[in-house]
Protein backbone atom coordinates (compact mmCIF):
# COMPACT_ATOMS: atom_id res chain seq x y z
CA UNK A 1 0.00 0.00 0.00
CA UNK A 2 1.52 3.38 -0.90
CA UNK A 3 -0.14 5.32 1.97
CA UNK A 4 0.12 5.03 5.76
CA UNK A 5 -1.68 6.78 8.55
CA UNK A 6 -0.10 7.54 11.92
CA UNK A 7 -2.14 8.77 14.86
CA UNK A 8 -0.65 9.85 18.16
CA UNK A 9 0.22 12.67 20.51
CA UNK A 10 3.50 14.44 21.06
CA UNK A 11 3.43 13.80 24.80
CA UNK A 12 2.57 10.09 25.03
CA UNK A 13 4.20 6.90 23.79
CA UNK A 14 1.06 5.33 22.37
CA UNK A 15 1.01 5.54 18.57
CA UNK A 16 -1.28 3.83 16.08
CA UNK A 17 -0.10 3.02 12.55
CA UNK A 18 -2.53 2.10 9.78
CA UNK A 19 -1.67 0.49 6.45
CA UNK A 20 1.61 -1.38 6.99
CA UNK A 21 1.97 -4.65 5.12
CA UNK A 22 2.87 -7.81 7.03
CA UNK A 23 6.40 -7.67 5.59
CA UNK A 24 6.84 -4.05 6.64
CA UNK A 25 5.68 -4.85 10.18
CA UNK A 26 8.27 -7.63 10.41
CA UNK A 27 10.97 -5.39 8.93
CA UNK A 28 10.56 -2.59 11.48
CA UNK A 29 9.34 -4.49 14.56
CA UNK A 30 12.87 -4.68 15.98
CA UNK A 31 12.96 -0.86 16.31
CA UNK A 32 9.66 -0.48 18.20
CA UNK A 33 7.85 -1.67 21.30
CA UNK A 34 4.82 -3.25 19.62
CA UNK A 35 1.44 -3.53 21.25
CA UNK A 36 -1.69 -5.22 19.95
CA UNK A 37 -2.39 -5.52 16.25
CA UNK A 38 -5.94 -5.31 14.90
CA UNK A 39 -6.12 -6.96 11.49
CA UNK A 40 -9.74 -5.84 10.86
CA UNK A 41 -8.73 -2.19 11.18
CA UNK A 42 -5.28 -2.71 9.65
CA UNK A 43 -3.99 -1.09 12.86
CA UNK A 44 -0.75 -1.60 14.76
CA UNK A 45 -0.28 -0.07 18.22
CA UNK A 46 3.27 0.94 19.13
CA UNK A 47 4.39 2.05 22.58
CA UNK A 48 6.78 4.64 21.17
CA UNK A 49 6.49 8.39 20.67
CA UNK A 50 4.73 9.32 17.44
CA UNK A 51 7.61 11.41 16.09
CA UNK A 52 10.02 8.52 16.69
CA UNK A 53 7.66 6.17 14.84
CA UNK A 54 7.33 8.56 11.88
CA UNK A 55 11.11 9.05 11.68
CA UNK A 56 11.85 5.31 11.85
CA UNK A 57 9.24 4.48 9.20
CA UNK A 58 10.76 7.12 6.94
CA UNK A 59 14.32 5.93 7.53
CA UNK A 60 13.74 2.17 7.29
CA UNK A 61 10.84 1.90 4.84
CA UNK A 62 11.15 5.01 2.68
CA UNK A 63 7.77 6.60 3.42
CA UNK A 64 7.58 10.42 3.50
CA UNK A 65 5.13 12.60 5.43
CA UNK A 66 2.86 14.38 2.97
CA UNK A 67 0.21 15.76 5.33
CA UNK A 68 -0.44 16.45 9.00
CA UNK A 69 -3.71 17.38 10.68
CA UNK A 70 -5.29 17.05 14.10
CA UNK A 71 -8.33 15.16 15.36
CA UNK A 72 -8.68 17.27 18.50
CA UNK A 73 -6.43 19.41 20.67
CA UNK A 74 -3.98 16.61 21.43
CA UNK A 75 -4.28 13.95 18.68
CA UNK A 76 -2.20 14.45 15.55
CA UNK A 77 -2.63 12.47 12.35
CA UNK A 78 0.09 12.12 9.71
CA UNK A 79 -0.31 10.70 6.22
CA UNK A 80 2.80 9.12 4.73
CA UNK A 81 3.42 8.12 1.11
CA UNK A 82 5.97 5.77 -0.41
CA UNK A 83 6.92 6.63 -3.98
CA UNK A 84 7.26 3.73 -6.35
CA UNK A 85 4.40 1.68 -4.90
CA UNK A 86 1.67 0.79 -7.34
CA UNK A 87 -1.93 1.64 -6.52
C-alpha atoms as a PDB file:
ATOM      1  CA  UNK A   1       0.000   0.000   0.000  1.00  0.00           C
ATOM      2  CA  UNK A   2       1.521   3.384  -0.896  1.00  0.00           C
ATOM      3  CA  UNK A   3      -0.140   5.316   1.969  1.00  0.00           C
ATOM      4  CA  UNK A   4       0.118   5.027   5.756  1.00  0.00           C
ATOM      5  CA  UNK A   5      -1.684   6.781   8.552  1.00  0.00           C
ATOM      6  CA  UNK A   6      -0.097   7.537  11.918  1.00  0.00           C
ATOM      7  CA  UNK A   7      -2.137   8.766  14.857  1.00  0.00           C
ATOM      8  CA  UNK A   8      -0.654   9.854  18.163  1.00  0.00           C
ATOM      9  CA  UNK A   9       0.216  12.671  20.512  1.00  0.00           C
ATOM     10  CA  UNK A  10       3.495  14.443  21.060  1.00  0.00           C
ATOM     11  CA  UNK A  11       3.435  13.795  24.801  1.00  0.00           C
ATOM     12  CA  UNK A  12       2.569  10.087  25.029  1.00  0.00           C
ATOM     13  CA  UNK A  13       4.197   6.903  23.790  1.00  0.00           C
ATOM     14  CA  UNK A  14       1.056   5.330  22.367  1.00  0.00           C
ATOM     15  CA  UNK A  15       1.005   5.535  18.573  1.00  0.00           C
ATOM     16  CA  UNK A  16      -1.284   3.828  16.079  1.00  0.00           C
ATOM     17  CA  UNK A  17      -0.104   3.024  12.554  1.00  0.00           C
ATOM     18  CA  UNK A  18      -2.533   2.098   9.781  1.00  0.00           C
ATOM     19  CA  UNK A  19      -1.670   0.493   6.449  1.00  0.00           C
ATOM     20  CA  UNK A  20       1.605  -1.380   6.986  1.00  0.00           C
ATOM     21  CA  UNK A  21       1.965  -4.653   5.118  1.00  0.00           C
ATOM     22  CA  UNK A  22       2.874  -7.810   7.028  1.00  0.00           C
ATOM     23  CA  UNK A  23       6.400  -7.673   5.589  1.00  0.00           C
ATOM     24  CA  UNK A  24       6.840  -4.049   6.642  1.00  0.00           C
ATOM     25  CA  UNK A  25       5.678  -4.853  10.177  1.00  0.00           C
ATOM     26  CA  UNK A  26       8.269  -7.626  10.406  1.00  0.00           C
ATOM     27  CA  UNK A  27      10.966  -5.388   8.934  1.00  0.00           C
ATOM     28  CA  UNK A  28      10.562  -2.589  11.479  1.00  0.00           C
ATOM     29  CA  UNK A  29       9.344  -4.489  14.559  1.00  0.00           C
ATOM     30  CA  UNK A  30      12.871  -4.677  15.976  1.00  0.00           C
ATOM     31  CA  UNK A  31      12.955  -0.864  16.307  1.00  0.00           C
ATOM     32  CA  UNK A  32       9.659  -0.483  18.198  1.00  0.00           C
ATOM     33  CA  UNK A  33       7.851  -1.666  21.304  1.00  0.00           C
ATOM     34  CA  UNK A  34       4.822  -3.251  19.624  1.00  0.00           C
ATOM     35  CA  UNK A  35       1.442  -3.530  21.250  1.00  0.00           C
ATOM     36  CA  UNK A  36      -1.692  -5.224  19.952  1.00  0.00           C
ATOM     37  CA  UNK A  37      -2.394  -5.515  16.247  1.00  0.00           C
ATOM     38  CA  UNK A  38      -5.942  -5.310  14.903  1.00  0.00           C
ATOM     39  CA  UNK A  39      -6.123  -6.956  11.491  1.00  0.00           C
ATOM     40  CA  UNK A  40      -9.738  -5.845  10.855  1.00  0.00           C
ATOM     41  CA  UNK A  41      -8.732  -2.188  11.181  1.00  0.00           C
ATOM     42  CA  UNK A  42      -5.277  -2.710   9.649  1.00  0.00           C
ATOM     43  CA  UNK A  43      -3.988  -1.092  12.855  1.00  0.00           C
ATOM     44  CA  UNK A  44      -0.750  -1.596  14.760  1.00  0.00           C
ATOM     45  CA  UNK A  45      -0.278  -0.070  18.221  1.00  0.00           C
ATOM     46  CA  UNK A  46       3.274   0.942  19.127  1.00  0.00           C
ATOM     47  CA  UNK A  47       4.387   2.046  22.583  1.00  0.00           C
ATOM     48  CA  UNK A  48       6.776   4.635  21.167  1.00  0.00           C
ATOM     49  CA  UNK A  49       6.486   8.390  20.673  1.00  0.00           C
ATOM     50  CA  UNK A  50       4.727   9.320  17.441  1.00  0.00           C
ATOM     51  CA  UNK A  51       7.613  11.414  16.086  1.00  0.00           C
ATOM     52  CA  UNK A  52      10.023   8.517  16.688  1.00  0.00           C
ATOM     53  CA  UNK A  53       7.655   6.171  14.842  1.00  0.00           C
ATOM     54  CA  UNK A  54       7.334   8.557  11.876  1.00  0.00           C
ATOM     55  CA  UNK A  55      11.109   9.045  11.681  1.00  0.00           C
ATOM     56  CA  UNK A  56      11.851   5.312  11.851  1.00  0.00           C
ATOM     57  CA  UNK A  57       9.245   4.480   9.201  1.00  0.00           C
ATOM     58  CA  UNK A  58      10.756   7.122   6.937  1.00  0.00           C
ATOM     59  CA  UNK A  59      14.324   5.927   7.525  1.00  0.00           C
ATOM     60  CA  UNK A  60      13.738   2.168   7.289  1.00  0.00           C
ATOM     61  CA  UNK A  61      10.836   1.901   4.841  1.00  0.00           C
ATOM     62  CA  UNK A  62      11.151   5.007   2.676  1.00  0.00           C
ATOM     63  CA  UNK A  63       7.772   6.601   3.419  1.00  0.00           C
ATOM     64  CA  UNK A  64       7.579  10.422   3.500  1.00  0.00           C
ATOM     65  CA  UNK A  65       5.133  12.595   5.429  1.00  0.00           C
ATOM     66  CA  UNK A  66       2.861  14.383   2.975  1.00  0.00           C
ATOM     67  CA  UNK A  67       0.213  15.762   5.331  1.00  0.00           C
ATOM     68  CA  UNK A  68      -0.445  16.450   8.995  1.00  0.00           C
ATOM     69  CA  UNK A  69      -3.710  17.384  10.679  1.00  0.00           C
ATOM     70  CA  UNK A  70      -5.292  17.045  14.104  1.00  0.00           C
ATOM     71  CA  UNK A  71      -8.326  15.162  15.357  1.00  0.00           C
ATOM     72  CA  UNK A  72      -8.680  17.269  18.499  1.00  0.00           C
ATOM     73  CA  UNK A  73      -6.429  19.414  20.673  1.00  0.00           C
ATOM     74  CA  UNK A  74      -3.982  16.610  21.427  1.00  0.00           C
ATOM     75  CA  UNK A  75      -4.284  13.949  18.681  1.00  0.00           C
ATOM     76  CA  UNK A  76      -2.195  14.446  15.553  1.00  0.00           C
ATOM     77  CA  UNK A  77      -2.629  12.467  12.353  1.00  0.00           C
ATOM     78  CA  UNK A  78       0.092  12.123   9.715  1.00  0.00           C
ATOM     79  CA  UNK A  79      -0.312  10.696   6.222  1.00  0.00           C
ATOM     80  CA  UNK A  80       2.803   9.124   4.730  1.00  0.00           C
ATOM     81  CA  UNK A  81       3.415   8.119   1.108  1.00  0.00           C
ATOM     82  CA  UNK A  82       5.966   5.767  -0.414  1.00  0.00           C
ATOM     83  CA  UNK A  83       6.915   6.633  -3.983  1.00  0.00           C
ATOM     84  CA  UNK A  84       7.260   3.730  -6.354  1.00  0.00           C
ATOM     85  CA  UNK A  85       4.396   1.684  -4.899  1.00  0.00           C
ATOM     86  CA  UNK A  86       1.674   0.787  -7.344  1.00  0.00           C
ATOM     87  CA  UNK A  87      -1.929   1.638  -6.517  1.00  0.00           C
END
